Amino acid sequence: MNKICIVGVGLIGGSFALGLKNSLNKSQQLHIVGFGRNEAHLQQAQELGVIDAYSLDIAKALSGAELVLIATPVNSFKGILEMIKPHINENTIVSDVGSTKGSVIAIVKEVFGEMPENFIPAHPIAGKEQSGVQAADGALFNNKRIILTPTDNANMQMIARIRELWEALGAKVEIMSDKTHDDLLAMTSHLPHMLAFSLMDYLISSDANALDYAAGGFKDFSRIASSDAVMWRDICLNNSEEIVRHIEGFTKSLDKLSRLIKDGKAQEIEQLFLNAKIARDDWLND
C-alpha cells in the first residue's frame, strides 16, 4: 500500500501506524495520514513520528488512501462512516479496531444500506490501560491475536490484504463470526474490566481509606480499571446482552463461593482455588 488513513490516532491506531513503519524495509514507501477533530493531538502524533501527516479535512485525508482504519470508540462510528462515505469507493478497504463486532456491522449496514464487500471488521486483542498516542507502541500486536469477522459477501482479496498487514506487525490472525467474537470477548475481556471497575466503585463507596492498605495483589487485579472510560462505556452499550449475561453468570459463581465460605466447606473451597490455579498456570504456560 502507498497510503493509509487512520481515523483516531490514539493507542491502537498509533500502534498500528508505528508497527507498520517498523516492519517496512527502506525501499518501501508508505504514507500514513491521520484524521481527527483535535489538531493538537494530531500534531503530537506527527511530532512523535507516528504519522507522516494529518488533515482536519476528511476529503484531503482520504484522497488516494487504499485503506481507512477507524480507531475511535464504537459509538462514534455512525458519524465517521457518514463522513467518509462520499470520499471512498469500492476499491478502498475500510476496517476498524472496535471491541464489539455485531454492533459495528449493524452500524455499517445502517449507513450504507447493506454490508459493503470492502468493509473488513477487525479487533486486535491487545492494549494497555494507558490511552492516547503517547502510549503507542509499535510492538503492541506482536504475538497477539487479531480477530477478523468478515461477512459472507466480503471481498476475499481485501481480507487477505488486511491479514497481511496485521501479520506484518507480528500478530496471529484468526477469522470467526461476529457473534462468536462478541461472546468470547464478553467473557475474557469485557467481564474482567467490569469486575475491575466495579471493585474500585465498591471500595471508594464503602471506605475510601481502604485504598491506603491495598498492596501488590490489589494493584495487579485493579490495573485495568485505569482503562479509558469512554471506550468502555461504548463497549458496554454495544455488547450489552453478552456482557450482562456473563455478569449474571459470574454472580452465580461468586454466590457459590460465598455459600462455601459461609458453610465452612474447607475442602470444596480449596478444590475451587486449586482448579482455578491449575487452569491459569496452564494458560500462562501455553
Protein backbone atom coordinates (compact mmCIF):
# COMPACT_ATOMS: atom_id res chain seq x y z
CA MET A 1 0.00 0.00 0.00
CA ASN A 2 1.09 3.56 -0.67
CA LYS A 3 -1.29 5.49 1.60
CA ILE A 4 -3.26 4.64 4.72
CA CYS A 5 -5.61 6.95 6.58
CA ILE A 6 -6.11 6.37 10.30
CA VAL A 7 -9.21 7.92 11.82
CA GLY A 8 -8.43 8.32 15.51
CA VAL A 9 -4.68 8.26 16.16
CA GLY A 10 -4.69 7.03 19.75
CA LEU A 11 -3.15 3.97 21.40
CA ILE A 12 -4.41 1.36 18.92
CA GLY A 13 -4.39 3.47 15.76
CA GLY A 14 -0.99 4.88 16.66
CA SER A 15 0.45 1.45 17.48
CA PHE A 16 -0.82 0.14 14.13
CA ALA A 17 0.95 3.00 12.34
CA LEU A 18 4.21 2.57 14.27
CA GLY A 19 4.15 -1.17 13.75
CA LEU A 20 3.80 -0.77 10.00
CA LYS A 21 6.62 1.77 9.91
CA ASN A 22 8.87 -0.59 11.87
CA SER A 23 8.08 -3.51 9.57
CA LEU A 24 8.89 -1.69 6.32
CA ASN A 25 12.22 -2.07 4.56
CA LYS A 26 13.98 1.01 3.24
CA SER A 27 12.72 0.53 -0.32
CA GLN A 28 9.06 0.64 0.70
CA GLN A 29 7.14 3.89 0.66
CA LEU A 30 4.08 4.17 2.87
CA HIS A 31 2.37 7.47 3.65
CA ILE A 32 0.25 7.36 6.82
CA VAL A 33 -2.18 10.22 7.32
CA GLY A 34 -4.11 10.86 10.50
CA PHE A 35 -7.58 12.36 10.68
CA GLY A 36 -9.38 13.68 13.74
CA ARG A 37 -11.01 16.72 15.25
CA ASN A 38 -8.30 17.62 17.75
CA GLU A 39 -5.42 19.24 15.90
CA ALA A 40 -3.19 19.29 18.99
CA HIS A 41 -3.43 15.51 19.27
CA LEU A 42 -2.69 15.07 15.57
CA GLN A 43 0.29 17.42 15.80
CA GLN A 44 1.61 15.36 18.70
CA ALA A 45 1.21 12.17 16.66
CA GLN A 46 3.20 13.71 13.81
CA GLU A 47 5.89 15.03 16.14
CA LEU A 48 6.25 11.55 17.66
CA GLY A 49 6.73 10.10 14.17
CA VAL A 50 3.58 8.00 14.43
CA ILE A 51 2.01 9.53 11.31
CA ASP A 52 3.58 11.31 8.35
CA ALA A 53 0.88 13.96 8.00
CA TYR A 54 -2.58 14.87 9.18
CA SER A 55 -5.62 16.76 8.00
CA LEU A 56 -8.77 18.09 9.58
CA ASP A 57 -10.40 17.82 6.14
CA ILE A 58 -11.70 14.29 5.60
CA ALA A 59 -11.64 14.64 1.80
CA LYS A 60 -7.91 15.51 1.86
CA ALA A 61 -7.13 12.81 4.43
CA LEU A 62 -8.81 10.13 2.30
CA SER A 63 -7.58 11.28 -1.10
CA GLY A 64 -5.64 8.37 -2.61
CA ALA A 65 -5.93 6.22 0.52
CA GLU A 66 -6.06 2.49 -0.12
CA LEU A 67 -7.04 1.68 3.47
CA VAL A 68 -9.08 3.57 6.04
CA LEU A 69 -8.68 2.29 9.60
CA ILE A 70 -11.29 3.53 12.07
CA ALA A 71 -9.75 3.53 15.56
CA THR A 72 -12.24 5.52 17.61
CA PRO A 73 -14.87 4.49 20.21
CA VAL A 74 -17.64 2.43 18.63
CA ASN A 75 -20.36 4.98 19.39
CA SER A 76 -18.60 7.42 17.04
CA PHE A 77 -18.72 5.02 14.08
CA LYS A 78 -22.02 6.14 12.59
CA GLY A 79 -20.90 9.76 12.26
CA ILE A 80 -17.48 8.74 10.94
CA LEU A 81 -18.91 6.36 8.33
CA GLU A 82 -21.36 9.02 7.16
CA MET A 83 -18.41 11.40 6.87
CA ILE A 84 -16.17 9.08 4.84
CA LYS A 85 -18.90 7.58 2.64
CA PRO A 86 -18.78 10.28 -0.09
CA HIS A 87 -14.97 10.07 -0.33
CA ILE A 88 -14.36 6.33 -0.77
CA ASN A 89 -15.18 3.81 -3.46
CA GLU A 90 -15.41 0.04 -3.78
CA ASN A 91 -11.63 -0.21 -4.10
CA THR A 92 -10.98 1.45 -0.74
CA ILE A 93 -10.55 -1.06 2.06
CA VAL A 94 -12.28 0.06 5.25
CA SER A 95 -11.58 -1.65 8.54
CA ASP A 96 -11.81 -0.93 12.26
CA VAL A 97 -10.41 -2.00 15.62
CA GLY A 98 -13.63 -1.91 17.64
CA SER A 99 -14.02 -4.26 20.60
CA THR A 100 -17.54 -5.27 19.55
CA LYS A 101 -18.27 -6.60 16.09
CA GLY A 102 -22.00 -7.27 15.83
CA SER A 103 -22.81 -3.64 16.60
CA VAL A 104 -20.18 -2.40 14.14
CA ILE A 105 -21.64 -4.50 11.35
CA ALA A 106 -25.13 -3.21 12.20
CA ILE A 107 -23.90 0.41 12.07
CA VAL A 108 -22.18 -0.16 8.71
CA LYS A 109 -25.36 -1.65 7.25
CA GLU A 110 -27.38 1.29 8.57
CA VAL A 111 -25.10 3.85 6.92
CA PHE A 112 -24.52 2.05 3.61
CA GLY A 113 -27.87 0.29 3.30
CA GLU A 114 -26.05 -3.04 3.07
CA MET A 115 -22.72 -4.52 4.12
CA PRO A 116 -20.13 -3.33 1.58
CA GLU A 117 -17.75 -6.04 0.43
CA ASN A 118 -14.80 -3.71 1.12
CA PHE A 119 -15.53 -3.35 4.86
CA ILE A 120 -13.49 -5.89 6.86
CA PRO A 121 -14.27 -5.73 10.62
CA ALA A 122 -11.31 -6.44 12.88
CA HIS A 123 -10.39 -6.44 16.55
CA PRO A 124 -6.84 -6.63 17.93
CA ILE A 125 -6.78 -8.49 21.26
CA ALA A 126 -4.14 -6.19 22.67
CA GLY A 127 -3.93 -2.96 24.59
CA LYS A 128 -2.77 -1.09 27.65
CA GLU A 129 -4.51 0.66 30.47
CA GLN A 130 -2.96 3.90 29.16
CA SER A 131 -4.66 5.69 26.31
CA GLY A 132 -3.62 8.30 23.75
CA VAL A 133 -0.97 8.42 21.05
CA GLN A 134 1.78 8.98 23.62
CA ALA A 135 1.22 5.36 24.71
CA ALA A 136 1.51 3.99 21.15
CA ASP A 137 3.85 1.01 20.82
CA GLY A 138 4.96 -0.47 17.50
CA ALA A 139 5.39 -3.89 19.14
CA LEU A 140 1.95 -3.88 20.78
CA PHE A 141 0.49 -6.51 18.45
CA ASN A 142 3.47 -8.85 18.34
CA ASN A 143 2.27 -12.40 19.13
CA LYS A 144 -1.22 -11.06 19.88
CA ARG A 145 -4.42 -12.36 18.31
CA ILE A 146 -6.23 -10.27 15.74
CA ILE A 147 -9.81 -11.33 15.07
CA LEU A 148 -11.35 -10.64 11.66
CA THR A 149 -15.12 -11.02 11.35
CA PRO A 150 -15.85 -10.53 7.64
CA THR A 151 -19.40 -11.06 6.45
CA ASP A 152 -20.23 -13.64 3.80
CA ASN A 153 -20.04 -11.12 0.95
CA ALA A 154 -16.62 -9.72 1.93
CA ASN A 155 -14.00 -9.36 -0.80
CA MET A 156 -11.54 -12.23 -0.32
CA GLN A 157 -8.59 -10.25 -1.70
CA MET A 158 -9.27 -7.45 0.76
CA ILE A 159 -9.47 -9.92 3.63
CA ALA A 160 -6.07 -11.23 2.54
CA ARG A 161 -4.57 -7.72 2.41
CA ILE A 162 -5.82 -6.90 5.91
CA ARG A 163 -4.46 -10.20 7.17
CA GLU A 164 -1.07 -9.46 5.62
CA LEU A 165 -0.88 -6.04 7.28
CA TRP A 166 -1.60 -7.44 10.75
CA GLU A 167 0.78 -10.34 10.21
CA ALA A 168 3.48 -7.83 9.25
CA LEU A 169 3.07 -6.49 12.81
CA GLY A 170 3.73 -9.95 14.23
CA ALA A 171 0.08 -10.67 15.00
CA LYS A 172 -1.70 -14.03 14.83
CA VAL A 173 -4.81 -13.54 12.70
CA GLU A 174 -7.99 -15.57 13.17
CA ILE A 175 -11.33 -15.38 11.39
CA MET A 176 -14.63 -16.02 13.15
CA SER A 177 -18.24 -14.84 13.14
CA ASP A 178 -19.15 -11.59 14.86
CA LYS A 179 -21.45 -13.48 17.27
CA THR A 180 -18.69 -15.85 18.35
CA HIS A 181 -16.32 -12.92 18.79
CA ASP A 182 -18.72 -10.89 20.91
CA ASP A 183 -19.47 -13.83 23.20
CA LEU A 184 -15.82 -14.79 23.69
CA LEU A 185 -14.69 -11.22 24.31
CA ALA A 186 -17.54 -10.59 26.74
CA MET A 187 -16.10 -13.40 28.87
CA THR A 188 -12.38 -12.84 28.51
CA SER A 189 -12.10 -9.05 28.20
CA HIS A 190 -15.32 -7.20 28.89
CA LEU A 191 -16.24 -9.08 32.08
CA PRO A 192 -12.80 -8.63 33.72
CA HIS A 193 -12.98 -4.89 33.04
CA MET A 194 -16.45 -4.74 34.58
CA LEU A 195 -15.11 -6.53 37.67
CA ALA A 196 -12.17 -4.13 37.99
CA PHE A 197 -14.35 -1.04 37.57
CA SER A 198 -16.98 -2.33 40.00
CA LEU A 199 -14.35 -3.33 42.57
CA MET A 200 -12.98 0.21 42.58
CA ASP A 201 -16.52 1.57 42.82
CA TYR A 202 -17.24 -0.76 45.75
CA LEU A 203 -14.11 0.27 47.64
CA ILE A 204 -14.46 4.02 47.22
CA SER A 205 -18.14 3.90 48.13
CA SER A 206 -17.54 1.64 51.14
CA ASP A 207 -14.39 3.18 52.59
CA ALA A 208 -12.12 5.43 50.53
CA ASN A 209 -9.38 4.95 53.13
CA ALA A 210 -9.24 1.23 52.32
CA LEU A 211 -7.01 2.03 49.35
CA ASP A 212 -4.30 3.15 51.77
CA TYR A 213 -3.92 -0.50 52.74
CA ALA A 214 -4.06 -2.03 49.26
CA ALA A 215 -0.91 -3.89 48.22
CA GLY A 216 0.51 -5.59 45.14
CA GLY A 217 -2.29 -8.09 44.63
CA PHE A 218 -4.91 -5.37 44.57
CA LYS A 219 -2.76 -3.31 42.22
CA ASP A 220 -2.49 -6.24 39.80
CA PHE A 221 -6.20 -7.04 39.91
CA SER A 222 -7.39 -3.45 39.57
CA ARG A 223 -4.89 -2.38 36.88
CA ILE A 224 -7.43 -2.39 34.05
CA ALA A 225 -9.72 -0.04 35.97
CA SER A 226 -7.34 2.66 34.68
CA SER A 227 -8.60 1.99 31.13
CA ASP A 228 -10.33 4.64 29.03
CA ALA A 229 -13.80 5.29 30.44
CA VAL A 230 -15.39 6.45 27.17
CA MET A 231 -14.19 3.42 25.25
CA TRP A 232 -15.50 1.03 27.90
CA ARG A 233 -18.80 2.88 28.16
CA ASP A 234 -19.25 2.31 24.43
CA ILE A 235 -18.30 -1.36 24.72
CA CYS A 236 -20.98 -1.83 27.41
CA LEU A 237 -23.62 -0.18 25.26
CA ASN A 238 -22.66 -2.11 22.13
CA ASN A 239 -22.27 -5.58 23.63
CA SER A 240 -24.78 -5.20 26.44
CA GLU A 241 -26.61 -8.52 26.05
CA GLU A 242 -23.47 -10.65 26.21
CA ILE A 243 -21.85 -8.60 28.98
CA VAL A 244 -24.95 -8.71 31.19
CA ARG A 245 -25.30 -12.46 30.59
CA HIS A 246 -21.74 -13.10 31.74
CA ILE A 247 -22.02 -10.70 34.70
CA GLU A 248 -25.07 -12.69 35.82
CA GLY A 249 -23.19 -15.96 35.24
CA PHE A 250 -20.22 -14.73 37.26
CA THR A 251 -22.56 -13.57 40.03
CA LYS A 252 -23.77 -17.17 40.35
CA SER A 253 -20.17 -18.34 40.61
CA LEU A 254 -19.46 -15.73 43.29
CA ASP A 255 -22.63 -16.74 45.17
CA LYS A 256 -21.42 -20.35 45.11
CA LEU A 257 -18.10 -19.34 46.66
CA SER A 258 -19.91 -17.20 49.23
CA ARG A 259 -22.03 -20.19 50.29
CA LEU A 260 -18.97 -22.43 50.58
CA ILE A 261 -17.25 -19.88 52.81
CA LYS A 262 -20.37 -19.33 54.89
CA ASP A 263 -20.82 -23.08 55.39
CA GLY A 264 -17.14 -23.62 56.21
CA LYS A 265 -16.61 -26.09 53.35
CA ALA A 266 -12.81 -26.15 53.57
CA GLN A 267 -12.21 -28.98 51.10
CA GLU A 268 -14.56 -27.54 48.47
CA ILE A 269 -13.03 -24.07 48.81
CA GLU A 270 -9.53 -25.45 48.42
CA GLN A 271 -10.55 -27.51 45.38
CA LEU A 272 -12.15 -24.50 43.70
CA PHE A 273 -8.99 -22.45 44.27
CA LEU A 274 -6.78 -25.32 43.08
CA ASN A 275 -8.79 -25.79 39.89
CA ALA A 276 -8.53 -22.06 39.19
CA LYS A 277 -4.77 -22.07 39.84
CA ILE A 278 -4.19 -25.07 37.55
CA ALA A 279 -6.27 -23.54 34.76
CA ARG A 280 -4.42 -20.22 34.97
CA ASP A 281 -0.97 -21.83 35.21
CA ASP A 282 -1.71 -23.98 32.16
CA TRP A 283 -2.87 -20.87 30.26
CA LEU A 284 0.29 -18.95 31.18
CA ASN A 285 2.50 -21.83 30.09
CA ASP A 286 0.64 -22.47 26.83
